[in-house]
C-alpha cells in the first residue's frame, strides 16, 4: 500500500509529516504531489507537480479535455505509486483534479488534513452534500444517455463539498492541530496533534526572537471581494503605520494569491516607512512560531494568527472590533467562537 500526500502549503506539508508518523508510513511508501511547485527547502522530497491540471480545471474546459486530463492523471498517479493501491491524504477532494485521484480504482481510503482557516469555519455547507436542482438533474441524465465519456467523467468527478467524501468514502479520518478543527466532524473521526509539527531540520534562529511579523492574506480583495483595491489600501496603510517600532525588527510575508500590483504598493510603503524586511518565502512561518519566543503577529484573517496565539505570542488582527459591515459579517458567518473572541475580539 502506498500513501499519496497532496501538499500545497507549509502547514499541509507539516500535517503530512505528522500523519506519516502517526500512520507509521515508511519513506519508500510515501509519495508526494503538489501545485505551484511547492517545495520545502529543509527536506529533500521529490514532489510531482500537478499545477498544469489544477490550473486548467480552475477554468471551464471541454468534456474531451477533461477526459484527456483524467486519463493523464491516472497514468501519472499509477506510475508514481508503482501501480500499487494507495490511500490519499489531502485537504479536500472538492476540486475535480483531486476527485480524479480519489476515485481512481486504486484509491482505497481518504484522509483529510487541515490546511488554513477554512478547516475551522463553522459552515455546515462545507460538509453536507446538496441536492442538485431538478433542471440540472434532467440535463445530466440526458448527457449520460448520449455520452459514454460523460458518464465516465461524472462517475470520476461526482462533486463533493469541501470537507466531505461521502457517500463514496465512509471511513474518512480527519487530522488537525487543535480540537476546534472540522467542527461538523464527530470527535471519533478526528486525530488531534495539539501543536504544530516541530521540524528538527529547521535551523533554529534565535535572532528572530522579539520580532514583529505582518502576515498578509488574500481574503479581502482577491478571494472574497469584501473591499475593492482602493478601499483596501486606504484601510491598510494607517494600520501598518500604527505598528511602527524602534526597538523591534519588522518582517512581513505576502500571500501567493495576492495581486502583484497591490503587494508592490504595500511593499514600497513597508520598506520606506517602516524599514521592514520581507521574509524569505521559503521560510515556513509555522516553524518560526514554534521555534521562537515573544513574537508579535499582525494580519487580517490568516490562520497563522490563530497558531501564534495558541503558542503564546502576541497577536493583533487588523479587523479587531471592526464595524465595516462586510469585513465583520465575513468573520461572523465563517469563524468559530475562539477566533471571534480571541483574534477578532468581537465578543
Protein backbone atom coordinates (compact mmCIF):
# COMPACT_ATOMS: atom_id res chain seq x y z
CA UNK A 1 0.00 0.00 0.00
CA UNK A 2 1.27 3.47 -0.92
CA UNK A 3 0.32 6.73 0.77
CA UNK A 4 -0.17 9.66 -1.58
CA UNK A 5 0.14 13.08 0.11
CA UNK A 6 -1.12 16.21 -1.60
CA UNK A 7 0.73 19.29 -0.33
CA UNK A 8 0.11 22.89 -1.40
CA UNK A 9 1.38 24.85 1.59
CA UNK A 10 3.77 24.67 4.53
CA UNK A 11 1.03 23.81 7.01
CA UNK A 12 -0.19 20.99 4.72
CA UNK A 13 3.37 19.71 4.45
CA UNK A 14 3.86 19.60 8.21
CA UNK A 15 0.47 17.97 8.70
CA UNK A 16 1.55 15.42 6.11
CA UNK A 17 4.67 14.65 8.15
CA UNK A 18 2.57 14.28 11.30
CA UNK A 19 0.14 11.93 9.54
CA UNK A 20 3.06 9.99 8.05
CA UNK A 21 4.49 9.45 11.54
CA UNK A 22 1.07 8.69 13.03
CA UNK A 23 0.35 6.00 10.41
CA UNK A 24 3.95 4.74 10.59
CA UNK A 25 4.43 5.07 6.84
CA UNK A 26 7.96 4.27 5.70
CA UNK A 27 9.72 6.60 3.27
CA UNK A 28 9.51 4.34 0.23
CA UNK A 29 5.72 4.09 0.53
CA UNK A 30 5.17 7.86 0.98
CA UNK A 31 4.56 9.73 -2.29
CA UNK A 32 4.00 13.46 -2.69
CA UNK A 33 2.18 15.64 -5.20
CA UNK A 34 1.87 19.41 -5.15
CA UNK A 35 0.77 22.52 -7.03
CA UNK A 36 2.50 25.88 -7.57
CA UNK A 37 5.81 23.97 -7.48
CA UNK A 38 5.65 23.78 -3.70
CA UNK A 39 8.95 22.79 -2.10
CA UNK A 40 10.28 22.68 1.42
CA UNK A 41 13.88 23.84 1.49
CA UNK A 42 14.69 21.73 4.55
CA UNK A 43 13.54 18.40 3.12
CA UNK A 44 14.84 16.63 0.02
CA UNK A 45 11.47 15.27 -1.08
CA UNK A 46 10.53 14.93 -4.74
CA UNK A 47 7.09 16.39 -5.43
CA UNK A 48 5.14 15.54 -8.58
CA UNK A 49 3.69 18.91 -9.57
CA UNK A 50 0.07 18.92 -10.77
CA UNK A 51 -0.22 22.67 -11.37
CA UNK A 52 -0.97 22.04 -15.04
CA UNK A 53 -4.19 20.18 -14.22
CA UNK A 54 -5.15 22.27 -11.21
CA UNK A 55 -4.89 25.50 -13.20
CA UNK A 56 -6.65 24.09 -16.27
CA UNK A 57 -9.59 22.81 -14.23
CA UNK A 58 -9.98 26.11 -12.43
CA UNK A 59 -11.48 27.39 -15.70
CA UNK A 60 -14.15 25.89 -17.97
CA UNK A 61 -12.86 23.12 -20.19
CA UNK A 62 -14.44 20.87 -22.78
CA UNK A 63 -15.52 17.32 -21.99
CA UNK A 64 -12.82 15.99 -24.32
CA UNK A 65 -10.14 17.98 -22.49
CA UNK A 66 -11.45 16.79 -19.12
CA UNK A 67 -11.43 13.14 -20.19
CA UNK A 68 -7.87 13.50 -21.52
CA UNK A 69 -6.79 15.11 -18.24
CA UNK A 70 -8.43 12.30 -16.27
CA UNK A 71 -6.53 9.68 -18.28
CA UNK A 72 -3.22 11.54 -17.88
CA UNK A 73 -3.72 11.94 -14.14
CA UNK A 74 -4.49 8.22 -13.78
CA UNK A 75 -1.30 7.29 -15.62
CA UNK A 76 0.89 9.66 -13.59
CA UNK A 77 -0.58 8.64 -10.23
CA UNK A 78 -0.37 4.94 -11.03
CA UNK A 79 3.22 5.37 -12.13
CA UNK A 80 4.09 7.38 -9.00
CA UNK A 81 2.51 4.71 -6.81
CA UNK A 82 4.18 1.92 -8.78
CA UNK A 83 0.76 0.56 -9.80
CA UNK A 84 0.06 -0.27 -6.17
CA UNK A 85 -3.11 0.56 -4.25
CA UNK A 86 -2.90 3.77 -2.28
CA UNK A 87 -4.51 5.91 0.41
CA UNK A 88 -4.90 9.59 -0.46
CA UNK A 89 -4.08 12.29 2.11
CA UNK A 90 -5.33 15.74 1.09
CA UNK A 91 -7.13 18.81 2.47
CA UNK A 92 -10.19 18.30 0.22
CA UNK A 93 -11.50 16.35 -2.74
CA UNK A 94 -13.83 19.10 -3.92
CA UNK A 95 -11.60 20.25 -6.85
CA UNK A 96 -12.01 17.93 -9.88
CA UNK A 97 -8.32 17.08 -10.13
CA UNK A 98 -8.33 15.66 -6.59
CA UNK A 99 -11.62 13.88 -7.26
CA UNK A 100 -9.93 12.05 -10.12
CA UNK A 101 -7.19 10.90 -7.75
CA UNK A 102 -9.70 9.94 -5.04
CA UNK A 103 -11.95 7.99 -7.42
CA UNK A 104 -9.14 6.14 -9.15
CA UNK A 105 -9.93 2.42 -8.63
CA UNK A 106 -6.59 2.00 -6.84
CA UNK A 107 -7.51 4.59 -4.18
CA UNK A 108 -8.75 2.67 -1.13
CA UNK A 109 -9.12 5.35 1.54
CA UNK A 110 -9.20 9.12 2.06
CA UNK A 111 -7.58 11.09 4.88
CA UNK A 112 -8.39 14.81 5.19
CA UNK A 113 -5.95 17.22 6.82
CA UNK A 114 -6.42 20.81 7.91
CA UNK A 115 -4.99 23.50 5.67
CA UNK A 116 -5.91 27.06 6.54
CA UNK A 117 -8.71 28.87 8.29
CA UNK A 118 -11.48 27.16 6.29
CA UNK A 119 -10.74 23.98 8.25
CA UNK A 120 -12.04 25.85 11.32
CA UNK A 121 -15.01 27.57 9.66
CA UNK A 122 -18.41 26.89 11.20
CA UNK A 123 -20.21 26.29 7.89
CA UNK A 124 -22.34 23.20 7.54
CA UNK A 125 -22.44 23.54 3.74
CA UNK A 126 -18.73 22.61 3.72
CA UNK A 127 -19.75 19.14 4.95
CA UNK A 128 -23.26 18.40 3.63
CA UNK A 129 -23.88 17.21 0.08
CA UNK A 130 -26.52 19.40 -1.52
CA UNK A 131 -29.13 18.02 -3.89
CA UNK A 132 -28.85 19.27 -7.46
CA UNK A 133 -31.74 21.37 -8.81
CA UNK A 134 -34.26 19.31 -10.80
CA UNK A 135 -33.32 21.02 -14.07
CA UNK A 136 -29.65 20.14 -13.56
CA UNK A 137 -30.55 16.51 -12.81
CA UNK A 138 -32.54 16.28 -16.06
CA UNK A 139 -29.68 17.79 -18.08
CA UNK A 140 -27.19 15.37 -16.53
CA UNK A 141 -29.49 12.44 -17.23
CA UNK A 142 -29.68 13.26 -20.95
CA UNK A 143 -25.94 13.81 -21.11
CA UNK A 144 -25.41 10.32 -19.75
CA UNK A 145 -27.79 8.86 -22.32
CA UNK A 146 -25.82 10.25 -25.24
CA UNK A 147 -22.27 10.25 -23.91
CA UNK A 148 -20.33 7.33 -22.53
CA UNK A 149 -17.41 9.71 -21.99
CA UNK A 150 -19.58 11.99 -19.88
CA UNK A 151 -20.73 9.00 -17.86
CA UNK A 152 -17.09 8.11 -17.17
CA UNK A 153 -16.30 11.71 -16.29
CA UNK A 154 -19.28 12.23 -13.99
CA UNK A 155 -18.55 9.00 -12.12
CA UNK A 156 -14.98 10.10 -11.53
CA UNK A 157 -15.88 13.73 -10.67
CA UNK A 158 -19.17 13.34 -8.80
CA UNK A 159 -18.90 16.60 -6.83
CA UNK A 160 -18.14 16.92 -3.14
CA UNK A 161 -18.49 19.64 -0.52
CA UNK A 162 -15.13 20.96 0.68
CA UNK A 163 -14.81 18.61 3.66
CA UNK A 164 -16.98 15.66 2.66
CA UNK A 165 -16.13 12.37 0.98
CA UNK A 166 -19.49 10.67 1.34
CA UNK A 167 -21.08 8.55 0.03
CA UNK A 168 -18.06 7.07 -1.74
CA UNK A 169 -15.84 7.04 1.34
CA UNK A 170 -17.47 6.49 4.71
CA UNK A 171 -14.39 5.79 6.82
CA UNK A 172 -12.51 9.05 6.20
CA UNK A 173 -10.19 10.16 9.01
CA UNK A 174 -9.66 13.88 9.69
CA UNK A 175 -6.38 15.25 11.08
CA UNK A 176 -5.82 18.64 12.67
CA UNK A 177 -3.79 20.59 15.16
CA UNK A 178 -6.49 21.79 17.55
CA UNK A 179 -9.82 20.43 18.77
CA UNK A 180 -11.81 23.18 17.03
CA UNK A 181 -10.82 21.88 13.60
CA UNK A 182 -13.54 20.40 11.34
CA UNK A 183 -16.39 21.45 13.68
CA UNK A 184 -19.04 19.28 11.96
CA UNK A 185 -16.98 16.08 12.13
CA UNK A 186 -17.56 13.70 15.09
CA UNK A 187 -14.61 13.53 17.53
CA UNK A 188 -14.32 9.79 16.85
CA UNK A 189 -13.26 10.56 13.26
CA UNK A 190 -10.63 13.16 14.21
CA UNK A 191 -6.98 12.83 15.19
CA UNK A 192 -5.74 15.95 17.02
CA UNK A 193 -1.99 16.59 17.25
CA UNK A 194 -2.30 19.56 19.69
CA UNK A 195 0.64 21.51 18.31
CA UNK A 196 2.38 22.41 15.07
CA UNK A 197 4.94 19.87 13.92
CA UNK A 198 8.34 20.98 15.23
CA UNK A 199 10.65 20.31 12.33
CA UNK A 200 14.04 19.03 13.56
CA UNK A 201 15.59 20.11 10.25
CA UNK A 202 14.52 23.74 10.62
CA UNK A 203 17.57 25.85 11.55
CA UNK A 204 16.76 27.47 14.88
CA UNK A 205 17.28 31.21 14.60
CA UNK A 206 17.28 32.98 17.97
CA UNK A 207 17.76 36.29 16.14
CA UNK A 208 14.08 36.05 15.22
CA UNK A 209 13.02 36.28 18.87
CA UNK A 210 11.21 39.53 19.73
CA UNK A 211 10.42 40.50 16.12
CA UNK A 212 7.18 41.80 14.66
CA UNK A 213 5.76 39.82 11.76
CA UNK A 214 2.98 41.04 9.46
CA UNK A 215 1.10 38.23 7.73
CA UNK A 216 -0.97 39.18 4.70
CA UNK A 217 -3.74 37.02 3.28
CA UNK A 218 -5.76 37.22 0.06
CA UNK A 219 -9.21 37.12 1.64
CA UNK A 220 -10.41 40.72 1.45
CA UNK A 221 -9.78 41.65 -2.19
CA UNK A 222 -8.73 38.67 -4.26
CA UNK A 223 -10.77 35.80 -2.80
CA UNK A 224 -13.91 37.33 -1.28
CA UNK A 225 -14.18 40.86 -2.78
CA UNK A 226 -15.04 42.34 0.61
CA UNK A 227 -13.39 45.58 -0.50
CA UNK A 228 -12.10 46.99 -3.74
CA UNK A 229 -8.39 47.69 -4.12
CA UNK A 230 -8.62 51.39 -3.29
CA UNK A 231 -10.65 50.76 -0.13
CA UNK A 232 -8.21 48.08 0.97
CA UNK A 233 -5.14 50.25 0.54
CA UNK A 234 -6.81 53.20 2.28
CA UNK A 235 -7.55 50.87 5.19
CA UNK A 236 -4.20 49.17 5.46
CA UNK A 237 -1.67 51.99 5.24
CA UNK A 238 -2.73 53.70 8.51
CA UNK A 239 -2.89 50.30 10.22
CA UNK A 240 0.63 49.46 9.13
CA UNK A 241 1.90 52.87 10.23
CA UNK A 242 0.45 52.26 13.70
CA UNK A 243 2.78 49.31 14.36
CA UNK A 244 5.98 51.22 13.71
CA UNK A 245 8.64 50.31 16.22
CA UNK A 246 12.13 51.44 17.09
CA UNK A 247 13.07 48.50 19.31
CA UNK A 248 11.95 45.51 17.23
CA UNK A 249 12.68 44.43 13.70
CA UNK A 250 9.63 44.20 11.45
CA UNK A 251 9.23 41.44 8.87
CA UNK A 252 6.35 40.76 6.51
CA UNK A 253 5.10 37.97 4.30
CA UNK A 254 2.63 38.16 1.41
CA UNK A 255 0.12 35.52 0.37
CA UNK A 256 0.82 33.93 -3.05
CA UNK A 257 -2.76 34.65 -4.09
CA UNK A 258 -2.48 38.43 -3.70
CA UNK A 259 -2.43 40.68 -6.73
CA UNK A 260 1.13 41.71 -7.56
CA UNK A 261 0.27 45.37 -8.14
CA UNK A 262 -1.24 45.53 -4.65
CA UNK A 263 1.71 43.84 -2.95
CA UNK A 264 4.09 46.19 -4.75
CA UNK A 265 2.39 49.24 -3.27
CA UNK A 266 2.34 47.69 0.19
CA UNK A 267 5.97 46.61 -0.12
CA UNK A 268 7.03 50.13 -1.12
CA UNK A 269 5.24 51.54 1.93
CA UNK A 270 6.70 48.97 4.33
CA UNK A 271 10.22 49.41 3.02
CA UNK A 272 10.11 53.19 3.08
CA UNK A 273 8.02 53.98 6.16
CA UNK A 274 8.78 51.06 8.49
CA UNK A 275 12.15 49.87 7.13
CA UNK A 276 10.58 46.43 7.21
CA UNK A 277 12.12 43.36 5.63
CA UNK A 278 10.31 40.78 3.51
CA UNK A 279 10.61 37.28 4.90
CA UNK A 280 12.11 34.72 2.59
CA UNK A 281 9.12 32.96 1.00
CA UNK A 282 10.75 29.58 1.62
CA UNK A 283 10.82 30.05 5.39
CA UNK A 284 7.71 28.46 6.95
CA UNK A 285 6.05 30.87 9.38
CA UNK A 286 4.71 27.83 11.22
CA UNK A 287 8.27 26.92 12.22
CA UNK A 288 9.04 30.50 13.27
CA UNK A 289 6.00 30.31 15.55
CA UNK A 290 7.05 27.13 17.29
CA UNK A 291 10.83 27.72 17.45
CA UNK A 292 10.82 31.33 18.70
CA UNK A 293 9.50 33.33 21.63
CA UNK A 294 7.89 36.70 22.34
CA UNK A 295 6.93 37.47 18.77
CA UNK A 296 4.24 39.91 17.64
CA UNK A 297 1.94 38.90 14.80
CA UNK A 298 -0.30 41.21 12.79
CA UNK A 299 -2.72 40.37 10.00
CA UNK A 300 -6.35 40.05 8.96
CA UNK A 301 -7.89 36.56 8.72
CA UNK A 302 -4.81 34.33 8.46
CA UNK A 303 -4.84 31.06 10.38
CA UNK A 304 -1.25 31.84 11.32
CA UNK A 305 -2.64 34.38 13.81
CA UNK A 306 -4.57 31.53 15.42
CA UNK A 307 -1.50 29.29 15.58
CA UNK A 308 0.62 32.13 17.00
CA UNK A 309 -1.99 32.90 19.67
CA UNK A 310 -2.13 29.26 20.74
CA UNK A 311 1.65 29.21 21.08
CA UNK A 312 1.71 32.21 23.39
CA UNK A 313 2.72 35.02 21.04
CA UNK A 314 1.12 38.48 20.90
CA UNK A 315 -1.47 38.64 18.13
CA UNK A 316 -3.46 41.52 16.69
CA UNK A 317 -5.88 41.27 13.80
CA UNK A 318 -6.44 44.43 11.78
CA UNK A 319 -10.17 43.73 11.83
CA UNK A 320 -10.24 43.70 15.63
CA UNK A 321 -13.61 45.14 16.65
CA UNK A 322 -14.26 46.43 13.13
CA UNK A 323 -17.63 47.88 12.24
CA UNK A 324 -17.04 47.60 8.50
CA UNK A 325 -20.13 45.58 7.50
CA UNK A 326 -18.55 43.18 5.01
CA UNK A 327 -15.37 42.54 6.99
CA UNK A 328 -17.35 41.95 10.17
CA UNK A 329 -20.03 39.80 8.56
CA UNK A 330 -17.49 37.58 6.83
CA UNK A 331 -15.90 36.85 10.20
CA UNK A 332 -19.25 36.25 11.92
CA UNK A 333 -20.50 33.97 9.14
CA UNK A 334 -17.42 31.80 8.97
CA UNK A 335 -15.16 31.74 12.01
CA UNK A 336 -15.70 29.85 15.24
CA UNK A 337 -16.10 31.42 18.67
CA UNK A 338 -12.39 31.25 19.52
CA UNK A 339 -11.49 33.37 16.51
CA UNK A 340 -14.32 35.83 17.21
CA UNK A 341 -13.34 36.27 20.85
CA UNK A 342 -9.57 35.89 20.94
CA UNK A 343 -8.46 37.03 17.49
CA UNK A 344 -11.10 39.45 16.24
CA UNK A 345 -12.34 40.50 19.70
CA UNK A 346 -15.94 40.82 18.58
CA UNK A 347 -17.38 39.41 21.82
